[in-house]
Amino acid sequence: MRWLMFTAAALLTCAALFAQDEVRGPVTIYDTVYERVDPGLPFQEAPRQPEDWQPPAPSAAERAAGFIPFTRGEPFDIRPWSKPKPSERLTELRARVAMGETSCLWFAIHALQTLEEVRIRVEPQQPSANAPTVKTYYAHYWAQRTDWRGRTFYITPELLLEMRDGQAQFPAAGGVLEWRKLSVPAGESRLFWINIHAPASSSSESDDYRYAIVVQAKGKASLRIPLQIHVYPFRLHKPADKRWLLYSDSWLLGKLPDDRLLPLLKQLSDCGIDGLTELPFGNLDLSALADDKVQYDPQPLLRWHTLLQQTGLRGPHTIGTFIEDQVAARLGIQADLNRDWNEKLREAMRLIARTVVQTLRPHGIDWLFYGWDEPGPENVRALEQYRAWREGGARTYVTFYQRGTYDVAAQWMTHPCFSVGLVASKQGADWAYEQCRAHQQQFYWYGSGCYLGQEGRLFANRFLAGWLFWKTRADGQVSWTFVRPHEDPFNDFDGAVVNSVEPKDQCTVYPRFARPNDYDSIVGIIPTIQWEAIREGINDYRYLSTLRNTITYAREVASGKQSRWAQEVLRAAADCERTLQMLEEGVPWLSEVGRAGFSNANLQELRTIVGAQIEKLVRQLRGERTASPKRPETITLRVEVVPPVSHPITEAQLPVLTLPRWSQPPVVDGKLDEPQWRMAAVARPFWESNSSVPMPQSIETWGLLAYDENALYIGIVCRTPYPDRLVADQRQRDAFGIWLDESVEVFLASPDNPERYAHFIINARGTVYDELGFDVDWNTEITVATHTDNQGWTAEIAIPWKSLPFDIDLNATGKPLLRLNLGRNHHQRGEEEVSHWAWSPTFGWFHNTQRFGVVMRQQGNILVKSVTPPAYVDDPPMQLTVLNLSEREEDVEVAGRRVAVPARGEATIEVPSPKTPGDHQYRLQVRWRDGEVTVPVTYSIPRPIQVVQQVGIVKDGVGKIRVAFALRNPEAHRLMVSVTDIPSLRRTLTAGRDFTLRLTDVRQDRLLIRLSVDRFESWSERAEVYLLPE
């Protein structure tokens, strides 16, 4: 833990030492020599997730083969150093697919000794012309950056490569593949992929097919892994009113000749993609613009349109151009296009839009205009651009991550495309859905593809493209981006020459070149695990849509009929409806998946449930008898207690903070233990920045603020249960990716122009990142120190007024001094994700200036130091603490209560306040002899018990649900548990503790569990448990 005590000065010394070790290449990273890398500090591998167990003893057959086959629910969790647990050992593989569906399986082998020339073949056990096709691939491991520009990497499986005769394809360099012997060193593991495609129609009486996956290394015995495939008696429905879009990177794919591009586009269509963004725009002729004439040549776009029509990519597709500079020059307009455009320029742009609309209309292209990417609400040029194209008759596709953009420009959007962060929670998704319906817009959102944390993984893209799309009720879901390498496609450590801001490759798939780094020699693409995940997500959605449509159809054909068949169909439809509703309610939102422990294995179980429901209803419609599923005799249901998440606030007032003026500055040492800090204003509570969920107590954070004539002083206290696990890797000033460290952020702006703001990030080491807006070259004279102890860490900051990019009137009265927000990025080792928290929730990322809080100067003798509202139903009422800065005693009145505050002292007043679950907003009037102040207060109370994992899946007789107790002292309460349809099972337990239920003689495939806490029975919760058939 010595590093935790480093001072900022020591860190600067360390940074200087590291700078002397700058590398450029050649350099070895993992198992590859890279001839050139972006210059900088040596690349370091991120800490590996330890696997400190021993593999099980091999069977005789495994010993003879030289390996143990195993699998895990998420392929990303299988690494070269992985060792199987006994429960992961593989004895057979099973798959269920609909007619016409392509799906995947995977498995790994753990080498007991070095294996040479590993071969895998597929042997059908009952040859049939209508049997599904099964193909295997080698999943290649390599090193990839952990963030867009950082100097750390991790090892991930990603590329899916062909195999033959004991060899596999391997990435050589520059996008070229080569064949090498496929070997596995002793003690290591390798991952293999299986793609299964079922014919679109079936003439066979059998729905089940058996295969053997035969794995054999040179000189070793073969090992046969049974594979059973069940083909459902239905095809998946593709909803006519939903769209999946993909950023096309047509600049690269367009280099392919038509005979190669056409089958690639067919692959996209088969995957479920409907539309492509950023297709070639064509050419505009502005030579006669002064005479109100414009010519548009769409031939580059029409080439793509012809191919898209042939492959069933129905659109919409996007095109765009940034022609406004040329328009202004042609018309002799001398104007700053970053300010409001004059009417002459607007009309010229509307003319161009009308020309493009009229030219493309006869071709029947479903297209949208897409110009500026992710404009903020202050980006006048972008908003004027979209306004002109919309007023010229074009439909517009606008991406954004700030609600403010939508607020100011919704009228010029036909297809607003929200960042996934804005729709990650139910509150955010409902808001977006309702806004789009009110404005008669198509509701799109983006977030899947190749963003950080998606490469090599199935869960991320699958969940986004499938279940989250379904839950948001959106019209379109967008993945970014298909294939966008920077420099060498097989080298994630170069790229700065092409993209200095984000040099990491941006590839959902990778290009395959005939000649190294010759982009003109592209011959095709290389599939990846994250690309497979998008298809799996689209298929998850299609399963849900098929179930919904089958329920509707069953009711239509059976309603009003009295036959036994009709009544059985209606009962089956009602049962399927209940199951679908259970799943819709039980699957967590994106903001909840980590806490719920939701994974790709859960997604696979859900698909099995949905597929079984559709099959049951289809067979019922056909009049076929279905056998009752075999159920386990005894069920063990584990109930796991996890930390609570408080109720999110649906609409937050801007917080207001009143700052005291100090007569003496503190010594900036990071400890915050000087007397002045007890006289500081307190900024609390903090909220999750996207969802506005209050921060849990385990990582409680608050700010302390004051000022004098020279500087603003900020202290930030960050609690954490594991101070020795904090991630604080960045050591250099203005280091890219510091926001992925354990760090705090400060945003300061003038009340008159909040768009011009100073931004500071300080990590737990004391490393500083400062910028003006997004100009990282801007620096201040900031003084910073940090300190870590067994409760967490603290940051102490002094920012001279003279170093800020705007003027401050320290003597102004009756108006704000500053606009302010404080943030915390919480990241500890062992956790893949960083959580983000803010004093003023931003409903998006931290740079949402419209959500910056308000800072006032303290005036008069009384300072409202802090307001602590109740956080749980069993908390005491709201506590308000005031400071008396005068030399005489002051009487202070709040909410009808009066208290005497001693001279130069403080007092805490208990304010009556409701503690029922839900949102609460107050405007407290604080009055004293010579003045008064109004304090806005927003808080929320969570339900006392929360079922985090509302749907429990019982597999092989064992299932699990997760609950949380949002109580100050949960173990002081009793928990009542009952199971519907099993009246004899009622338990009274101590709240806040894990427990296990053992159920016998279960006669249904779905159970309802009810849970309630004594004294708060009216806020009971339920969980549903579904039994997978054996």
Foldseek 3Di string as FASTA:
>chain_A
DVLLFFKLVVLLVVQVVQFVQWDFDQDDDDHDGDGGFDTDGAFAADDDDDDPDAADDDDPQQVLQQWFKFDDLKQQPADFLDHDHPVGTAQAAEAEAEAQDKAKDKMKIAGQAKFWLKDKDKFWPDDDPQAKDKFKWWFDKDWFDLAQADRYIYIFGKFTWHDDRQWTWDDDWQQAIDIDGDMRHHNTMTMMMMMIGGHNDDPDPDQKTKMWIWIHTPPGDIDTHIYMYGYFHHDFDDDPQAAEEAAECCVQLVLDPPVQSLVVLLVCVSLPHQEYEAQEAFDKDCQCVVVVDIDGDRVSVVVVVVSCVVNRNQDDYEHEDDCLVVVCVNVVNDDDLQDADDPVSLVSLLSVLLNSCVVCVVVPHNYAYEYDAADDLSRNNVLSNLQSNQNSPGAHEYEHQFVNNCVNRVLSHQEYEYECLQQLAPLSLVVQVVVCVVNVHAYHYEDAAQHRPQGNIQWPLLCQLALSCVLSVGRYYYYPHAEFAAQMQVDQRHQCVPPVQRRGTRHQWYWRAPDRRPSSRTNGITHISSSSNNSNNNVNNSLLVLLVVLLVVLCVVLPPDDDPLSVVLPVLSVVSVVVSVQVSVQDHGNVQCVQFVNGSSNSVVVSLVSSVSSSVNVCSVVVHDDDDFDFDQKFKEWEAETADWFDAASDDDFFEFAAEEDPDDDDAAAPCPDPVQVVFAKQDDKAQQARRTTDDPQFTKMKTWHYYPWWIKIKMDTFHQCQVFFFQPDSEAQDPPRLQGFWKKKWKDAPVDLQFIKIWIQHSSGHIFIAGNPHRVQDFPKDWIKHADNGHIMIIIIGTQVRTPDHFDPPDPDAFRIFMKMKTWTDGPPDSDITIIISFRRSGDPSNSVRGHTYHYDDDQKGFRDKAADAELPDAGIKTKMFGAAQAWKWKDKQRDIDIAGHRGMDIDGHDDHQDADKDWDFIWIDIDPDIDTGIDIHGYHQQKAFSRQEWETDPSYTYTYMYGRDPDQQVKWKWKDKPPCRVDIDIHGGPRMDMDMDGPDDDQKIKMKMDIPPRRVRIDIHMYGYDRD
